[in-house]
Amino acid sequence: MLDEVVCVAAVTILGVLEQAYFSLQVIYARRKYSVSPPCTTGPPEFERVFRAQANCSEYFPIFITILWVSGLFFSSAAASVCGLLYLYGRYLYFQGYSASAQGRLAPLYFSAKVLWLLIGLSALGVLNSMGQLYLGLDFLQQLSGLFFD
């Protein structure tokens, strides 16, 4: 079982490291712009870094949950690739937002699409597992048979 989810675990660790990086950037911005805790307001340059980190943190539990559900119930390979794309999108989002408010938009839309894809894969995987368990039907097997037979 562990060999099937090792890539999902690796993406999870990368995600945690990315969150740590974002947090460190807030610390550096606090020092650079002289914004002492607990203040969350200051120059626009600080506020953009602070909001970028906060926004990324707010979505992280959703991402991790859906990454693992899709990895366990749909495909660990597909989940891992989507996870890497999502993390890349969030990195671009953080960098873009830190530079300007407009700089966040394209990466935001990209990462949102990847997150919705992960949600869709999760739903398909869970529904397929429920179909196997309760109805004796493998919808994904039948669906792949339509396209690959």
C-alpha atoms as a PDB file:
ATOM      1  CA  MET A   1       0.000   0.000   0.000  1.00  0.00           C
ATOM      2  CA  LEU A   2       2.760   2.484   0.871  1.00  0.00           C
ATOM      3  CA  ASP A   3       4.382   2.116  -2.540  1.00  0.00           C
ATOM      4  CA  GLU A   4       1.085   3.229  -4.080  1.00  0.00           C
ATOM      5  CA  VAL A   5       0.954   6.522  -2.177  1.00  0.00           C
ATOM      6  CA  VAL A   6       4.622   7.449  -1.838  1.00  0.00           C
ATOM      7  CA  CYS A   7       4.316  10.110  -4.557  1.00  0.00           C
ATOM      8  CA  VAL A   8       1.255  11.614  -2.873  1.00  0.00           C
ATOM      9  CA  ALA A   9       3.235  11.705   0.377  1.00  0.00           C
ATOM     10  CA  ALA A  10       6.128  13.428  -1.414  1.00  0.00           C
ATOM     11  CA  VAL A  11       3.762  16.072  -2.812  1.00  0.00           C
ATOM     12  CA  THR A  12       2.353  16.546   0.687  1.00  0.00           C
ATOM     13  CA  ILE A  13       5.833  17.209   2.077  1.00  0.00           C
ATOM     14  CA  LEU A  14       6.540  19.645  -0.769  1.00  0.00           C
ATOM     15  CA  GLY A  15       3.290  21.413   0.072  1.00  0.00           C
ATOM     16  CA  VAL A  16       4.265  21.734   3.720  1.00  0.00           C
ATOM     17  CA  LEU A  17       7.670  23.099   2.710  1.00  0.00           C
ATOM     18  CA  GLU A  18       5.976  25.586   0.392  1.00  0.00           C
ATOM     19  CA  GLN A  19       3.749  26.768   3.246  1.00  0.00           C
ATOM     20  CA  ALA A  20       6.842  27.194   5.440  1.00  0.00           C
ATOM     21  CA  TYR A  21       8.494  29.233   2.678  1.00  0.00           C
ATOM     22  CA  PHE A  22       5.430  31.496   2.436  1.00  0.00           C
ATOM     23  CA  SER A  23       5.465  31.995   6.220  1.00  0.00           C
ATOM     24  CA  LEU A  24       9.143  32.911   6.138  1.00  0.00           C
ATOM     25  CA  GLN A  25       8.420  35.493   3.467  1.00  0.00           C
ATOM     26  CA  VAL A  26       5.951  37.172   5.841  1.00  0.00           C
ATOM     27  CA  ILE A  27       8.619  37.259   8.553  1.00  0.00           C
ATOM     28  CA  TYR A  28      11.090  38.837   6.125  1.00  0.00           C
ATOM     29  CA  ALA A  29       8.456  41.360   4.971  1.00  0.00           C
ATOM     30  CA  ARG A  30       7.693  42.269   8.601  1.00  0.00           C
ATOM     31  CA  ARG A  31      11.359  43.059   9.134  1.00  0.00           C
ATOM     32  CA  LYS A  32      11.774  44.882   5.829  1.00  0.00           C
ATOM     33  CA  TYR A  33       8.704  47.095   6.289  1.00  0.00           C
ATOM     34  CA  SER A  34       8.901  47.386  10.121  1.00  0.00           C
ATOM     35  CA  VAL A  35       5.525  45.784  10.814  1.00  0.00           C
ATOM     36  CA  SER A  36       5.598  44.227  14.282  1.00  0.00           C
ATOM     37  CA  PRO A  37       3.242  41.414  15.313  1.00  0.00           C
ATOM     38  CA  PRO A  38       0.331  41.340  15.902  1.00  0.00           C
ATOM     39  CA  CYS A  39      -0.180  44.091  13.297  1.00  0.00           C
ATOM     40  CA  THR A  40      -1.397  42.857   9.948  1.00  0.00           C
ATOM     41  CA  THR A  41      -1.488  46.218   8.228  1.00  0.00           C
ATOM     42  CA  GLY A  42       1.308  48.338   6.912  1.00  0.00           C
ATOM     43  CA  PRO A  43       2.655  49.391   3.558  1.00  0.00           C
ATOM     44  CA  PRO A  44       0.896  47.820   0.556  1.00  0.00           C
ATOM     45  CA  GLU A  45       4.039  45.785  -0.178  1.00  0.00           C
ATOM     46  CA  PHE A  46       3.761  44.108   3.232  1.00  0.00           C
ATOM     47  CA  GLU A  47       0.011  43.633   3.034  1.00  0.00           C
ATOM     48  CA  ARG A  48       0.267  41.851  -0.329  1.00  0.00           C
ATOM     49  CA  VAL A  49       2.829  39.377   1.042  1.00  0.00           C
ATOM     50  CA  PHE A  50       0.738  38.879   4.177  1.00  0.00           C
ATOM     51  CA  ARG A  51      -2.496  38.301   2.207  1.00  0.00           C
ATOM     52  CA  ALA A  52      -0.786  35.978  -0.277  1.00  0.00           C
ATOM     53  CA  GLN A  53       0.451  33.801   2.591  1.00  0.00           C
ATOM     54  CA  ALA A  54      -2.904  33.896   4.373  1.00  0.00           C
ATOM     55  CA  ASN A  55      -4.801  32.989   1.200  1.00  0.00           C
ATOM     56  CA  CYS A  56      -2.474  30.081   0.469  1.00  0.00           C
ATOM     57  CA  SER A  57      -2.825  28.854   4.059  1.00  0.00           C
ATOM     58  CA  GLU A  58      -6.614  29.045   3.876  1.00  0.00           C
ATOM     59  CA  TYR A  59      -6.727  26.711   0.875  1.00  0.00           C
ATOM     60  CA  PHE A  60      -4.051  24.304   2.090  1.00  0.00           C
ATOM     61  CA  PRO A  61      -6.345  22.025   4.177  1.00  0.00           C
ATOM     62  CA  ILE A  62      -8.721  21.698   1.233  1.00  0.00           C
ATOM     63  CA  PHE A  63      -5.820  20.875  -1.082  1.00  0.00           C
ATOM     64  CA  ILE A  64      -4.268  18.254   1.222  1.00  0.00           C
ATOM     65  CA  THR A  65      -7.591  16.555   1.895  1.00  0.00           C
ATOM     66  CA  ILE A  66      -8.588  16.346  -1.738  1.00  0.00           C
ATOM     67  CA  LEU A  67      -5.054  15.340  -2.800  1.00  0.00           C
ATOM     68  CA  TRP A  68      -5.185  12.302  -0.512  1.00  0.00           C
ATOM     69  CA  VAL A  69      -8.765  11.351  -1.346  1.00  0.00           C
ATOM     70  CA  SER A  70      -8.015  11.445  -5.072  1.00  0.00           C
ATOM     71  CA  GLY A  71      -4.723   9.594  -4.516  1.00  0.00           C
ATOM     72  CA  LEU A  72      -6.361   6.824  -2.524  1.00  0.00           C
ATOM     73  CA  PHE A  73      -9.586   6.407  -4.465  1.00  0.00           C
ATOM     74  CA  PHE A  74      -8.765   7.468  -8.030  1.00  0.00           C
ATOM     75  CA  SER A  75      -5.067   7.387  -8.942  1.00  0.00           C
ATOM     76  CA  SER A  76      -1.980   8.258  -6.949  1.00  0.00           C
ATOM     77  CA  ALA A  77      -0.140   9.183 -10.158  1.00  0.00           C
ATOM     78  CA  ALA A  78      -2.882  11.543 -11.366  1.00  0.00           C
ATOM     79  CA  ALA A  79      -3.250  13.040  -7.892  1.00  0.00           C
ATOM     80  CA  SER A  80       0.507  13.585  -7.623  1.00  0.00           C
ATOM     81  CA  VAL A  81       0.746  15.312 -11.000  1.00  0.00           C
ATOM     82  CA  CYS A  82      -2.237  17.515 -10.180  1.00  0.00           C
ATOM     83  CA  GLY A  83      -0.740  18.201  -6.757  1.00  0.00           C
ATOM     84  CA  LEU A  84       2.529  19.361  -8.283  1.00  0.00           C
ATOM     85  CA  LEU A  85       0.659  21.582 -10.722  1.00  0.00           C
ATOM     86  CA  TYR A  86      -1.370  23.055  -7.873  1.00  0.00           C
ATOM     87  CA  LEU A  87       1.739  23.779  -5.796  1.00  0.00           C
ATOM     88  CA  TYR A  88       3.399  25.408  -8.797  1.00  0.00           C
ATOM     89  CA  GLY A  89       0.282  27.520  -9.360  1.00  0.00           C
ATOM     90  CA  ARG A  90       0.234  28.603  -5.712  1.00  0.00           C
ATOM     91  CA  TYR A  91       3.919  29.521  -5.896  1.00  0.00           C
ATOM     92  CA  LEU A  92       3.212  31.693  -8.957  1.00  0.00           C
ATOM     93  CA  TYR A  93       0.201  33.133  -7.132  1.00  0.00           C
ATOM     94  CA  PHE A  94       2.321  34.037  -4.115  1.00  0.00           C
ATOM     95  CA  GLN A  95       5.036  35.618  -6.256  1.00  0.00           C
ATOM     96  CA  GLY A  96       2.523  37.468  -8.414  1.00  0.00           C
ATOM     97  CA  TYR A  97       0.488  38.776  -5.493  1.00  0.00           C
ATOM     98  CA  SER A  98       3.632  39.873  -3.670  1.00  0.00           C
ATOM     99  CA  ALA A  99       4.542  42.012  -6.700  1.00  0.00           C
ATOM    100  CA  SER A 100       1.069  43.423  -7.431  1.00  0.00           C
ATOM    101  CA  ALA A 101      -2.576  42.656  -6.728  1.00  0.00           C
ATOM    102  CA  GLN A 102      -3.177  42.042 -10.448  1.00  0.00           C
ATOM    103  CA  GLY A 103      -0.268  39.581 -10.541  1.00  0.00           C
ATOM    104  CA  ARG A 104      -2.255  37.069  -8.537  1.00  0.00           C
ATOM    105  CA  LEU A 105      -5.126  36.589 -10.980  1.00  0.00           C
ATOM    106  CA  ALA A 106      -3.790  34.241 -13.683  1.00  0.00           C
ATOM    107  CA  PRO A 107      -2.105  31.895 -11.168  1.00  0.00           C
ATOM    108  CA  LEU A 108      -5.236  32.020  -8.994  1.00  0.00           C
ATOM    109  CA  TYR A 109      -7.411  30.845 -11.880  1.00  0.00           C
ATOM    110  CA  PHE A 110      -4.897  28.167 -12.833  1.00  0.00           C
ATOM    111  CA  SER A 111      -4.615  26.735  -9.312  1.00  0.00           C
ATOM    112  CA  ALA A 112      -8.411  26.878  -8.881  1.00  0.00           C
ATOM    113  CA  LYS A 113      -8.876  24.807 -12.051  1.00  0.00           C
ATOM    114  CA  VAL A 114      -6.364  22.233 -10.813  1.00  0.00           C
ATOM    115  CA  LEU A 115      -8.100  22.104  -7.428  1.00  0.00           C
ATOM    116  CA  TRP A 116     -11.470  21.538  -9.118  1.00  0.00           C
ATOM    117  CA  LEU A 117      -9.893  18.778 -11.203  1.00  0.00           C
ATOM    118  CA  LEU A 118      -8.662  17.107  -7.995  1.00  0.00           C
ATOM    119  CA  ILE A 119     -12.152  17.453  -6.508  1.00  0.00           C
ATOM    120  CA  GLY A 120     -13.616  15.811  -9.612  1.00  0.00           C
ATOM    121  CA  LEU A 121     -11.110  12.948  -9.519  1.00  0.00           C
ATOM    122  CA  SER A 122     -11.847  12.462  -5.826  1.00  0.00           C
ATOM    123  CA  ALA A 123     -15.579  12.341  -6.417  1.00  0.00           C
ATOM    124  CA  LEU A 124     -15.189   9.880  -9.290  1.00  0.00           C
ATOM    125  CA  GLY A 125     -12.914   7.657  -7.232  1.00  0.00           C
ATOM    126  CA  VAL A 126     -15.164   7.650  -4.184  1.00  0.00           C
ATOM    127  CA  LEU A 127     -18.309   7.042  -6.251  1.00  0.00           C
ATOM    128  CA  ASN A 128     -16.582   4.208  -8.106  1.00  0.00           C
ATOM    129  CA  SER A 129     -15.463   2.612  -4.828  1.00  0.00           C
ATOM    130  CA  MET A 130     -18.985   2.913  -3.442  1.00  0.00           C
ATOM    131  CA  GLY A 131     -20.327   1.336  -6.642  1.00  0.00           C
ATOM    132  CA  GLN A 132     -17.919  -1.569  -6.273  1.00  0.00           C
ATOM    133  CA  LEU A 133     -18.672  -2.011  -2.594  1.00  0.00           C
ATOM    134  CA  TYR A 134     -22.452  -1.638  -2.602  1.00  0.00           C
ATOM    135  CA  LEU A 135     -23.529  -2.414  -6.168  1.00  0.00           C
ATOM    136  CA  GLY A 136     -20.780  -4.688  -7.451  1.00  0.00           C
ATOM    137  CA  LEU A 137     -20.165  -2.285 -10.341  1.00  0.00           C
ATOM    138  CA  ASP A 138     -16.866  -0.770 -11.425  1.00  0.00           C
ATOM    139  CA  PHE A 139     -17.906   2.367 -13.303  1.00  0.00           C
ATOM    140  CA  LEU A 140     -14.359   3.410 -14.139  1.00  0.00           C
ATOM    141  CA  GLN A 141     -13.543  -0.044 -15.546  1.00  0.00           C
ATOM    142  CA  GLN A 142     -16.660   0.070 -17.708  1.00  0.00           C
ATOM    143  CA  LEU A 143     -15.890   3.637 -18.785  1.00  0.00           C
ATOM    144  CA  SER A 144     -12.332   2.780 -19.749  1.00  0.00           C
ATOM    145  CA  GLY A 145     -13.673  -0.219 -21.684  1.00  0.00           C
ATOM    146  CA  LEU A 146     -15.723   2.135 -23.839  1.00  0.00           C
ATOM    147  CA  PHE A 147     -12.647   4.122 -24.849  1.00  0.00           C
ATOM    148  CA  PHE A 148      -9.831   1.579 -24.868  1.00  0.00           C
ATOM    149  CA  ASP A 149     -11.362  -1.682 -26.158  1.00  0.00           C
END
